[in-house]
Amino acid sequence: MQAIERGESPSPYFGIGFESLPQFFAVFTPRRWELVSTLRRSGPLSIAGLARQLHRNYKNVHDDIVALTQWETVRRDEDHRVFVPWDEIDLRLPLVQKVA
């Protein structure tokens, strides 16, 4: 809102939400978190190249990429390499549930 009040275009915002912490951890397992971190550090890679870097089975890495792509955490470039377009992932956990 501050950018709009100054007459500037606001920066785009992208966010995803989870119902609960268990749901978050079902998507971002420790292996997937390692995959995201490695991919962000390394830049765009083929799935085979990523599997080699992680010392993991290609099929398991491919399955993780499919899951993370559905959540927009991982994307593909024009050469079909996978990459993470984000610099950070913010996690906010409300201590009190909102009443509907």
PDB file of N, CA and C in Angstrom:
ATOM      1  N   MET A   1       0.814  -1.197   0.000  1.00  0.00           N
ATOM      2  CA  MET A   1       0.000   0.000   0.000  1.00  0.00           C
ATOM      3  C   MET A   1       0.856   1.259   0.000  1.00  0.00           C
ATOM      4  N   GLN A   2       1.995   1.228   0.676  1.00  0.00           N
ATOM      5  CA  GLN A   2       2.840   2.416   0.750  1.00  0.00           C
ATOM      6  C   GLN A   2       3.342   2.826  -0.624  1.00  0.00           C
ATOM      7  N   ALA A   3       3.698   1.840  -1.472  1.00  0.00           N
ATOM      8  CA  ALA A   3       4.163   2.161  -2.825  1.00  0.00           C
ATOM      9  C   ALA A   3       3.053   2.839  -3.622  1.00  0.00           C
ATOM     10  N   ILE A   4       1.835   2.360  -3.502  1.00  0.00           N
ATOM     11  CA  ILE A   4       0.702   2.953  -4.219  1.00  0.00           C
ATOM     12  C   ILE A   4       0.462   4.377  -3.740  1.00  0.00           C
ATOM     13  N   GLU A   5       0.540   4.597  -2.435  1.00  0.00           N
ATOM     14  CA  GLU A   5       0.338   5.940  -1.881  1.00  0.00           C
ATOM     15  C   GLU A   5       1.405   6.910  -2.378  1.00  0.00           C
ATOM     16  N   ARG A   6       2.609   6.391  -2.678  1.00  0.00           N
ATOM     17  CA  ARG A   6       3.684   7.238  -3.216  1.00  0.00           C
ATOM     18  C   ARG A   6       3.595   7.376  -4.730  1.00  0.00           C
ATOM     19  N   GLY A   7       2.585   6.736  -5.349  1.00  0.00           N
ATOM     20  CA  GLY A   7       2.423   6.802  -6.796  1.00  0.00           C
ATOM     21  C   GLY A   7       3.309   5.813  -7.540  1.00  0.00           C
ATOM     22  N   GLU A   8       3.853   4.828  -6.846  1.00  0.00           N
ATOM     23  CA  GLU A   8       4.723   3.830  -7.460  1.00  0.00           C
ATOM     24  C   GLU A   8       3.947   2.542  -7.692  1.00  0.00           C
ATOM     25  N   SER A   9       4.473   1.720  -8.592  1.00  0.00           N
ATOM     26  CA  SER A   9       3.887   0.398  -8.793  1.00  0.00           C
ATOM     27  C   SER A   9       4.374  -0.522  -7.691  1.00  0.00           C
ATOM     28  N   PRO A  10       3.481  -1.257  -7.070  1.00  0.00           N
ATOM     29  CA  PRO A  10       3.908  -2.164  -6.000  1.00  0.00           C
ATOM     30  C   PRO A  10       4.654  -3.366  -6.569  1.00  0.00           C
ATOM     31  N   SER A  11       5.544  -3.924  -5.779  1.00  0.00           N
ATOM     32  CA  SER A  11       6.244  -5.143  -6.157  1.00  0.00           C
ATOM     33  C   SER A  11       5.252  -6.298  -6.133  1.00  0.00           C
ATOM     34  N   PRO A  12       5.352  -7.199  -7.122  1.00  0.00           N
ATOM     35  CA  PRO A  12       4.429  -8.335  -7.095  1.00  0.00           C
ATOM     36  C   PRO A  12       4.692  -9.221  -5.880  1.00  0.00           C
ATOM     37  N   TYR A  13       3.650  -9.844  -5.389  1.00  0.00           N
ATOM     38  CA  TYR A  13       3.762 -10.724  -4.239  1.00  0.00           C
ATOM     39  C   TYR A  13       3.195 -12.081  -4.615  1.00  0.00           C
ATOM     40  N   PHE A  14       3.892 -13.120  -4.224  1.00  0.00           N
ATOM     41  CA  PHE A  14       3.405 -14.478  -4.430  1.00  0.00           C
ATOM     42  C   PHE A  14       3.436 -15.195  -3.098  1.00  0.00           C
ATOM     43  N   GLY A  15       2.360 -15.865  -2.768  1.00  0.00           N
ATOM     44  CA  GLY A  15       2.333 -16.603  -1.519  1.00  0.00           C
ATOM     45  C   GLY A  15       1.471 -17.846  -1.653  1.00  0.00           C
ATOM     46  N   ILE A  16       1.797 -18.836  -0.867  1.00  0.00           N
ATOM     47  CA  ILE A  16       0.978 -20.034  -0.774  1.00  0.00           C
ATOM     48  C   ILE A  16       0.661 -20.241   0.695  1.00  0.00           C
ATOM     49  N   GLY A  17      -0.386 -20.948   0.955  1.00  0.00           N
ATOM     50  CA  GLY A  17      -0.782 -21.145   2.341  1.00  0.00           C
ATOM     51  C   GLY A  17      -1.020 -22.607   2.662  1.00  0.00           C
ATOM     52  N   PHE A  18      -0.823 -22.937   3.893  1.00  0.00           N
ATOM     53  CA  PHE A  18      -1.064 -24.278   4.399  1.00  0.00           C
ATOM     54  C   PHE A  18      -2.019 -24.178   5.569  1.00  0.00           C
ATOM     55  N   GLU A  19      -2.862 -25.175   5.705  1.00  0.00           N
ATOM     56  CA  GLU A  19      -3.831 -25.210   6.795  1.00  0.00           C
ATOM     57  C   GLU A  19      -3.161 -25.382   8.155  1.00  0.00           C
ATOM     58  N   SER A  20      -2.032 -26.097   8.160  1.00  0.00           N
ATOM     59  CA  SER A  20      -1.400 -26.424   9.434  1.00  0.00           C
ATOM     60  C   SER A  20       0.080 -26.715   9.224  1.00  0.00           C
ATOM     61  N   LEU A  21       0.802 -26.757  10.312  1.00  0.00           N
ATOM     62  CA  LEU A  21       2.217 -27.114  10.256  1.00  0.00           C
ATOM     63  C   LEU A  21       2.405 -28.544   9.759  1.00  0.00           C
ATOM     64  N   PRO A  22       1.594 -29.514  10.180  1.00  0.00           N
ATOM     65  CA  PRO A  22       1.737 -30.865   9.620  1.00  0.00           C
ATOM     66  C   PRO A  22       1.560 -30.896   8.097  1.00  0.00           C
ATOM     67  N   GLN A  23       0.645 -30.084   7.566  1.00  0.00           N
ATOM     68  CA  GLN A  23       0.474 -30.030   6.114  1.00  0.00           C
ATOM     69  C   GLN A  23       1.729 -29.453   5.452  1.00  0.00           C
ATOM     70  N   PHE A  24       2.297 -28.414   6.045  1.00  0.00           N
ATOM     71  CA  PHE A  24       3.539 -27.838   5.522  1.00  0.00           C
ATOM     72  C   PHE A  24       4.640 -28.896   5.474  1.00  0.00           C
ATOM     73  N   PHE A  25       4.805 -29.640   6.580  1.00  0.00           N
ATOM     74  CA  PHE A  25       5.861 -30.642   6.641  1.00  0.00           C
ATOM     75  C   PHE A  25       5.589 -31.853   5.756  1.00  0.00           C
ATOM     76  N   ALA A  26       4.344 -32.071   5.379  1.00  0.00           N
ATOM     77  CA  ALA A  26       4.044 -33.129   4.412  1.00  0.00           C
ATOM     78  C   ALA A  26       4.550 -32.752   3.027  1.00  0.00           C
ATOM     79  N   VAL A  27       4.530 -31.459   2.714  1.00  0.00           N
ATOM     80  CA  VAL A  27       5.044 -30.982   1.417  1.00  0.00           C
ATOM     81  C   VAL A  27       6.546 -30.780   1.487  1.00  0.00           C
ATOM     82  N   PHE A  28       7.018 -30.085   2.503  1.00  0.00           N
ATOM     83  CA  PHE A  28       8.445 -29.776   2.643  1.00  0.00           C
ATOM     84  C   PHE A  28       9.093 -30.763   3.608  1.00  0.00           C
ATOM     85  N   THR A  29       9.248 -31.986   3.130  1.00  0.00           N
ATOM     86  CA  THR A  29       9.959 -32.993   3.913  1.00  0.00           C
ATOM     87  C   THR A  29      11.422 -32.582   4.022  1.00  0.00           C
ATOM     88  N   PRO A  30      12.187 -33.167   4.938  1.00  0.00           N
ATOM     89  CA  PRO A  30      13.613 -32.815   5.019  1.00  0.00           C
ATOM     90  C   PRO A  30      14.354 -33.015   3.699  1.00  0.00           C
ATOM     91  N   ARG A  31      14.055 -34.082   2.969  1.00  0.00           N
ATOM     92  CA  ARG A  31      14.714 -34.319   1.675  1.00  0.00           C
ATOM     93  C   ARG A  31      14.336 -33.257   0.648  1.00  0.00           C
ATOM     94  N   ARG A  32      13.076 -32.869   0.633  1.00  0.00           N
ATOM     95  CA  ARG A  32      12.644 -31.828  -0.310  1.00  0.00           C
ATOM     96  C   ARG A  32      13.232 -30.476   0.062  1.00  0.00           C
ATOM     97  N   TRP A  33      13.347 -30.219   1.353  1.00  0.00           N
ATOM     98  CA  TRP A  33      13.960 -28.951   1.787  1.00  0.00           C
ATOM     99  C   TRP A  33      15.422 -28.908   1.345  1.00  0.00           C
ATOM    100  N   GLU A  34      16.125 -30.027   1.483  1.00  0.00           N
ATOM    101  CA  GLU A  34      17.507 -30.117   1.011  1.00  0.00           C
ATOM    102  C   GLU A  34      17.564 -29.914  -0.503  1.00  0.00           C
ATOM    103  N   LEU A  35      16.617 -30.493  -1.234  1.00  0.00           N
ATOM    104  CA  LEU A  35      16.550 -30.338  -2.680  1.00  0.00           C
ATOM    105  C   LEU A  35      16.374 -28.871  -3.055  1.00  0.00           C
ATOM    106  N   VAL A  36      15.431 -28.192  -2.421  1.00  0.00           N
ATOM    107  CA  VAL A  36      15.171 -26.773  -2.709  1.00  0.00           C
ATOM    108  C   VAL A  36      16.418 -25.940  -2.423  1.00  0.00           C
ATOM    109  N   SER A  37      17.051 -26.168  -1.293  1.00  0.00           N
ATOM    110  CA  SER A  37      18.254 -25.407  -0.926  1.00  0.00           C
ATOM    111  C   SER A  37      19.390 -25.647  -1.904  1.00  0.00           C
ATOM    112  N   THR A  38      19.598 -26.896  -2.263  1.00  0.00           N
ATOM    113  CA  THR A  38      20.658 -27.237  -3.217  1.00  0.00           C
ATOM    114  C   THR A  38      20.389 -26.617  -4.573  1.00  0.00           C
ATOM    115  N   LEU A  39      19.156 -26.700  -5.025  1.00  0.00           N
ATOM    116  CA  LEU A  39      18.794 -26.146  -6.324  1.00  0.00           C
ATOM    117  C   LEU A  39      18.932 -24.630  -6.341  1.00  0.00           C
ATOM    118  N   ARG A  40      18.582 -23.975  -5.268  1.00  0.00           N
ATOM    119  CA  ARG A  40      18.720 -22.512  -5.201  1.00  0.00           C
ATOM    120  C   ARG A  40      20.193 -22.113  -5.267  1.00  0.00           C
ATOM    121  N   ARG A  41      21.044 -22.864  -4.562  1.00  0.00           N
ATOM    122  CA  ARG A  41      22.484 -22.579  -4.573  1.00  0.00           C
ATOM    123  C   ARG A  41      23.106 -22.860  -5.935  1.00  0.00           C
ATOM    124  N   SER A  42      22.703 -23.952  -6.557  1.00  0.00           N
ATOM    125  CA  SER A  42      23.333 -24.417  -7.791  1.00  0.00           C
ATOM    126  C   SER A  42      22.836 -23.710  -9.040  1.00  0.00           C
ATOM    127  N   GLY A  43      21.608 -23.242  -9.020  1.00  0.00           N
ATOM    128  CA  GLY A  43      21.020 -22.690 -10.232  1.00  0.00           C
ATOM    129  C   GLY A  43      20.356 -23.797 -11.032  1.00  0.00           C
ATOM    130  N   PRO A  44      19.840 -23.479 -12.222  1.00  0.00           N
ATOM    131  CA  PRO A  44      19.095 -24.452 -13.015  1.00  0.00           C
ATOM    132  C   PRO A  44      19.901 -25.719 -13.315  1.00  0.00           C
ATOM    133  N   LEU A  45      19.255 -26.859 -13.134  1.00  0.00           N
ATOM    134  CA  LEU A  45      19.886 -28.156 -13.382  1.00  0.00           C
ATOM    135  C   LEU A  45      18.863 -29.098 -14.015  1.00  0.00           C
ATOM    136  N   SER A  46      19.366 -30.101 -14.701  1.00  0.00           N
ATOM    137  CA  SER A  46      18.491 -31.190 -15.113  1.00  0.00           C
ATOM    138  C   SER A  46      18.154 -31.993 -13.856  1.00  0.00           C
ATOM    139  N   ILE A  47      17.101 -32.755 -13.919  1.00  0.00           N
ATOM    140  CA  ILE A  47      16.754 -33.589 -12.764  1.00  0.00           C
ATOM    141  C   ILE A  47      17.858 -34.606 -12.514  1.00  0.00           C
ATOM    142  N   ALA A  48      18.438 -35.145 -13.584  1.00  0.00           N
ATOM    143  CA  ALA A  48      19.534 -36.109 -13.420  1.00  0.00           C
ATOM    144  C   ALA A  48      20.735 -35.458 -12.744  1.00  0.00           C
ATOM    145  N   GLY A  49      21.061 -34.226 -13.140  1.00  0.00           N
ATOM    146  CA  GLY A  49      22.172 -33.508 -12.517  1.00  0.00           C
ATOM    147  C   GLY A  49      21.900 -33.209 -11.056  1.00  0.00           C
ATOM    148  N   LEU A  50      20.668 -32.856 -10.755  1.00  0.00           N
ATOM    149  CA  LEU A  50      20.289 -32.590  -9.372  1.00  0.00           C
ATOM    150  C   LEU A  50      20.368 -33.866  -8.544  1.00  0.00           C
ATOM    151  N   ALA A  51      19.890 -34.981  -9.099  1.00  0.00           N
ATOM    152  CA  ALA A  51      19.955 -36.266  -8.389  1.00  0.00           C
ATOM    153  C   ALA A  51      21.403 -36.636  -8.089  1.00  0.00           C
ATOM    154  N   ARG A  52      22.312 -36.378  -9.043  1.00  0.00           N
ATOM    155  CA  ARG A  52      23.738 -36.664  -8.806  1.00  0.00           C
ATOM    156  C   ARG A  52      24.285 -35.795  -7.677  1.00  0.00           C
ATOM    157  N   GLN A  53      23.953 -34.506  -7.698  1.00  0.00           N
ATOM    158  CA  GLN A  53      24.435 -33.609  -6.634  1.00  0.00           C
ATOM    159  C   GLN A  53      23.934 -34.038  -5.263  1.00  0.00           C
ATOM    160  N   LEU A  54      22.695 -34.517  -5.212  1.00  0.00           N
ATOM    161  CA  LEU A  54      22.099 -34.916  -3.943  1.00  0.00           C
ATOM    162  C   LEU A  54      22.443 -36.346  -3.544  1.00  0.00           C
ATOM    163  N   HIS A  55      23.087 -37.091  -4.465  1.00  0.00           N
ATOM    164  CA  HIS A  55      23.396 -38.510  -4.234  1.00  0.00           C
ATOM    165  C   HIS A  55      22.113 -39.287  -3.946  1.00  0.00           C
ATOM    166  N   ARG A  56      21.092 -39.014  -4.784  1.00  0.00           N
ATOM    167  CA  ARG A  56      19.789 -39.651  -4.623  1.00  0.00           C
ATOM    168  C   ARG A  56      19.366 -40.313  -5.922  1.00  0.00           C
ATOM    169  N   ASN A  57      18.405 -41.207  -5.822  1.00  0.00           N
ATOM    170  CA  ASN A  57      17.834 -41.899  -6.957  1.00  0.00           C
ATOM    171  C   ASN A  57      17.066 -40.908  -7.843  1.00  0.00           C
ATOM    172  N   TYR A  58      17.235 -41.035  -9.168  1.00  0.00           N
ATOM    173  CA  TYR A  58      16.585 -40.130 -10.119  1.00  0.00           C
ATOM    174  C   TYR A  58      15.068 -40.112  -9.915  1.00  0.00           C
ATOM    175  N   LYS A  59      14.428 -41.288  -9.820  1.00  0.00           N
ATOM    176  CA  LYS A  59      12.973 -41.348  -9.704  1.00  0.00           C
ATOM    177  C   LYS A  59      12.477 -40.622  -8.460  1.00  0.00           C
ATOM    178  N   ASN A  60      13.167 -40.779  -7.348  1.00  0.00           N
ATOM    179  CA  ASN A  60      12.741 -40.107  -6.118  1.00  0.00           C
ATOM    180  C   ASN A  60      12.871 -38.592  -6.249  1.00  0.00           C
ATOM    181  N   VAL A  61      13.963 -38.132  -6.872  1.00  0.00           N
ATOM    182  CA  VAL A  61      14.140 -36.686  -7.091  1.00  0.00           C
ATOM    183  C   VAL A  61      13.069 -36.181  -8.055  1.00  0.00           C
ATOM    184  N   HIS A  62      12.798 -36.938  -9.111  1.00  0.00           N
ATOM    185  CA  HIS A  62      11.750 -36.553 -10.060  1.00  0.00           C
ATOM    186  C   HIS A  62      10.406 -36.428  -9.356  1.00  0.00           C
ATOM    187  N   ASP A  63      10.054 -37.400  -8.517  1.00  0.00           N
ATOM    188  CA  ASP A  63       8.788 -37.341  -7.779  1.00  0.00           C
ATOM    189  C   ASP A  63       8.727 -36.106  -6.885  1.00  0.00           C
ATOM    190  N   ASP A  64       9.843 -35.770  -6.238  1.00  0.00           N
ATOM    191  CA  ASP A  64       9.885 -34.569  -5.395  1.00  0.00           C
ATOM    192  C   ASP A  64       9.721 -33.303  -6.237  1.00  0.00           C
ATOM    193  N   ILE A  65      10.333 -33.277  -7.408  1.00  0.00           N
ATOM    194  CA  ILE A  65      10.198 -32.114  -8.297  1.00  0.00           C
ATOM    195  C   ILE A  65       8.741 -31.946  -8.720  1.00  0.00           C
ATOM    196  N   VAL A  66       8.083 -33.043  -9.066  1.00  0.00           N
ATOM    197  CA  VAL A  66       6.665 -32.971  -9.448  1.00  0.00           C
ATOM    198  C   VAL A  66       5.838 -32.378  -8.303  1.00  0.00           C
ATOM    199  N   ALA A  67       6.061 -32.853  -7.096  1.00  0.00           N
ATOM    200  CA  ALA A  67       5.308 -32.350  -5.940  1.00  0.00           C
ATOM    201  C   ALA A  67       5.604 -30.867  -5.697  1.00  0.00           C
ATOM    202  N   LEU A  68       6.860 -30.490  -5.754  1.00  0.00           N
ATOM    203  CA  LEU A  68       7.225 -29.092  -5.473  1.00  0.00           C
ATOM    204  C   LEU A  68       6.796 -28.152  -6.593  1.00  0.00           C
ATOM    205  N   THR A  69       6.721 -28.653  -7.813  1.00  0.00           N
ATOM    206  CA  THR A  69       6.235 -27.845  -8.935  1.00  0.00           C
ATOM    207  C   THR A  69       4.757 -27.522  -8.746  1.00  0.00           C
ATOM    208  N   GLN A  70       4.008 -28.465  -8.215  1.00  0.00           N
ATOM    209  CA  GLN A  70       2.587 -28.219  -7.956  1.00  0.00           C
ATOM    210  C   GLN A  70       2.384 -27.089  -6.951  1.00  0.00           C
ATOM    211  N   TRP A  71       3.340 -26.914  -6.043  1.00  0.00           N
ATOM    212  CA  TRP A  71       3.260 -25.841  -5.047  1.00  0.00           C
ATOM    213  C   TRP A  71       4.009 -24.591  -5.489  1.00  0.00           C
ATOM    214  N   GLU A  72       4.450 -24.540  -6.765  1.00  0.00           N
ATOM    215  CA  GLU A  72       5.148 -23.373  -7.333  1.00  0.00           C
ATOM    216  C   GLU A  72       6.469 -23.064  -6.647  1.00  0.00           C
ATOM    217  N   THR A  73       7.029 -24.027  -5.945  1.00  0.00           N
ATOM    218  CA  THR A  73       8.315 -23.816  -5.281  1.00  0.00           C
ATOM    219  C   THR A  73       9.456 -24.006  -6.269  1.00  0.00           C
ATOM    220  N   VAL A  74       9.277 -24.931  -7.192  1.00  0.00           N
ATOM    221  CA  VAL A  74      10.263 -25.225  -8.233  1.00  0.00           C
ATOM    222  C   VAL A  74       9.604 -24.956  -9.576  1.00  0.00           C
ATOM    223  N   ARG A  75      10.373 -24.414 -10.495  1.00  0.00           N
ATOM    224  CA  ARG A  75       9.870 -24.138 -11.852  1.00  0.00           C
ATOM    225  C   ARG A  75      10.845 -24.720 -12.873  1.00  0.00           C
ATOM    226  N   ARG A  76      10.414 -24.758 -14.129  1.00  0.00           N
ATOM    227  CA  ARG A  76      11.262 -25.229 -15.229  1.00  0.00           C
ATOM    228  C   ARG A  76      11.567 -24.063 -16.158  1.00  0.00           C
ATOM    229  N   ASP A  77      12.796 -24.042 -16.702  1.00  0.00           N
ATOM    230  CA  ASP A  77      13.146 -23.011 -17.663  1.00  0.00           C
ATOM    231  C   ASP A  77      12.889 -23.526 -19.079  1.00  0.00           C
ATOM    232  N   GLU A  78      13.245 -22.727 -20.086  1.00  0.00           N
ATOM    233  CA  GLU A  78      12.975 -23.082 -21.484  1.00  0.00           C
ATOM    234  C   GLU A  78      13.743 -24.328 -21.933  1.00  0.00           C
ATOM    235  N   ASP A  79      14.810 -24.678 -21.223  1.00  0.00           N
ATOM    236  CA  ASP A  79      15.575 -25.890 -21.530  1.00  0.00           C
ATOM    237  C   ASP A  79      15.125 -27.078 -20.682  1.00  0.00           C
ATOM    238  N   HIS A  80      14.018 -26.923 -19.990  1.00  0.00           N
ATOM    239  CA  HIS A  80      13.415 -27.956 -19.128  1.00  0.00           C
ATOM    240  C   HIS A  80      14.257 -28.277 -17.899  1.00  0.00           C
ATOM    241  N   ARG A  81      15.191 -27.385 -17.574  1.00  0.00           N
ATOM    242  CA  ARG A  81      15.934 -27.548 -16.321  1.00  0.00           C
ATOM    243  C   ARG A  81      15.066 -26.998 -15.198  1.00  0.00           C
ATOM    244  N   VAL A  82      15.269 -27.515 -14.010  1.00  0.00           N
ATOM    245  CA  VAL A  82      14.492 -27.063 -12.858  1.00  0.00           C
ATOM    246  C   VAL A  82      15.294 -26.017 -12.088  1.00  0.00           C
ATOM    247  N   PHE A  83      14.573 -25.093 -11.468  1.00  0.00           N
ATOM    248  CA  PHE A  83      15.227 -24.043 -10.685  1.00  0.00           C
ATOM    249  C   PHE A  83      14.264 -23.532  -9.630  1.00  0.00           C
ATOM    250  N   VAL A  84      14.805 -22.851  -8.635  1.00  0.00           N
ATOM    251  CA  VAL A  84      14.012 -22.222  -7.580  1.00  0.00           C
ATOM    252  C   VAL A  84      14.101 -20.714  -7.800  1.00  0.00           C
ATOM    253  N   PRO A  85      12.969 -20.056  -8.111  1.00  0.00           N
ATOM    254  CA  PRO A  85      13.011 -18.627  -8.413  1.00  0.00           C
ATOM    255  C   PRO A  85      13.015 -17.726  -7.188  1.00  0.00           C
ATOM    256  N   TRP A  86      12.931 -18.285  -6.006  1.00  0.00           N
ATOM    257  CA  TRP A  86      12.774 -17.488  -4.786  1.00  0.00           C
ATOM    258  C   TRP A  86      14.092 -17.371  -4.033  1.00  0.00           C
ATOM    259  N   ASP A  87      14.305 -16.232  -3.399  1.00  0.00           N
ATOM    260  CA  ASP A  87      15.475 -16.024  -2.546  1.00  0.00           C
ATOM    261  C   ASP A  87      15.233 -16.514  -1.125  1.00  0.00           C
ATOM    262  N   GLU A  88      13.973 -16.529  -0.733  1.00  0.00           N
ATOM    263  CA  GLU A  88      13.660 -16.928   0.636  1.00  0.00           C
ATOM    264  C   GLU A  88      12.230 -17.452   0.697  1.00  0.00           C
ATOM    265  N   ILE A  89      11.971 -18.199   1.723  1.00  0.00           N
ATOM    266  CA  ILE A  89      10.624 -18.674   2.021  1.00  0.00           C
ATOM    267  C   ILE A  89      10.320 -18.230   3.436  1.00  0.00           C
ATOM    268  N   ASP A  90       9.290 -17.399   3.570  1.00  0.00           N
ATOM    269  CA  ASP A  90       8.863 -16.925   4.890  1.00  0.00           C
ATOM    270  C   ASP A  90       7.783 -17.846   5.411  1.00  0.00           C
ATOM    271  N   LEU A  91       7.886 -18.169   6.665  1.00  0.00           N
ATOM    272  CA  LEU A  91       6.907 -19.035   7.302  1.00  0.00           C
ATOM    273  C   LEU A  91       6.327 -18.295   8.493  1.00  0.00           C
ATOM    274  N   ARG A  92       5.023 -18.139   8.488  1.00  0.00           N
ATOM    275  CA  ARG A  92       4.344 -17.480   9.604  1.00  0.00           C
ATOM    276  C   ARG A  92       3.391 -18.480  10.233  1.00  0.00           C
ATOM    277  N   LEU A  93       3.490 -18.615  11.520  1.00  0.00           N
ATOM    278  CA  LEU A  93       2.659 -19.570  12.243  1.00  0.00           C
ATOM    279  C   LEU A  93       1.835 -18.833  13.294  1.00  0.00           C
ATOM    280  N   PRO A  94       0.534 -18.686  13.046  1.00  0.00           N
ATOM    281  CA  PRO A  94      -0.287 -18.019  14.055  1.00  0.00           C
ATOM    282  C   PRO A  94      -0.426 -18.909  15.295  1.00  0.00           C
ATOM    283  N   LEU A  95      -0.325 -18.291  16.441  1.00  0.00           N
ATOM    284  CA  LEU A  95      -0.469 -19.034  17.690  1.00  0.00           C
ATOM    285  C   LEU A  95      -1.922 -19.226  18.089  1.00  0.00           C
ATOM    286  N   VAL A  96      -2.789 -18.388  17.538  1.00  0.00           N
ATOM    287  CA  VAL A  96      -4.204 -18.477  17.841  1.00  0.00           C
ATOM    288  C   VAL A  96      -4.954 -18.649  16.514  1.00  0.00           C
ATOM    289  N   GLN A  97      -5.840 -19.626  16.456  1.00  0.00           N
ATOM    290  CA  GLN A  97      -6.645 -19.849  15.263  1.00  0.00           C
ATOM    291  C   GLN A  97      -7.682 -18.751  15.132  1.00  0.00           C
ATOM    292  N   LYS A  98      -7.892 -18.263  13.908  1.00  0.00           N
ATOM    293  CA  LYS A  98      -8.947 -17.285  13.670  1.00  0.00           C
ATOM    294  C   LYS A  98     -10.289 -17.996  13.672  1.00  0.00           C
ATOM    295  N   VAL A  99     -11.275 -17.346  14.257  1.00  0.00           N
ATOM    296  CA  VAL A  99     -12.621 -17.907  14.300  1.00  0.00           C
ATOM    297  C   VAL A  99     -13.368 -17.426  13.066  1.00  0.00           C
ATOM    298  N   ALA A 100     -13.989 -18.348  12.364  1.00  0.00           N
ATOM    299  CA  ALA A 100     -14.712 -17.993  11.124  1.00  0.00           C
ATOM    300  C   ALA A 100     -16.048 -17.370  11.433  1.00  0.00           C
TER     301      ALA A 100
END
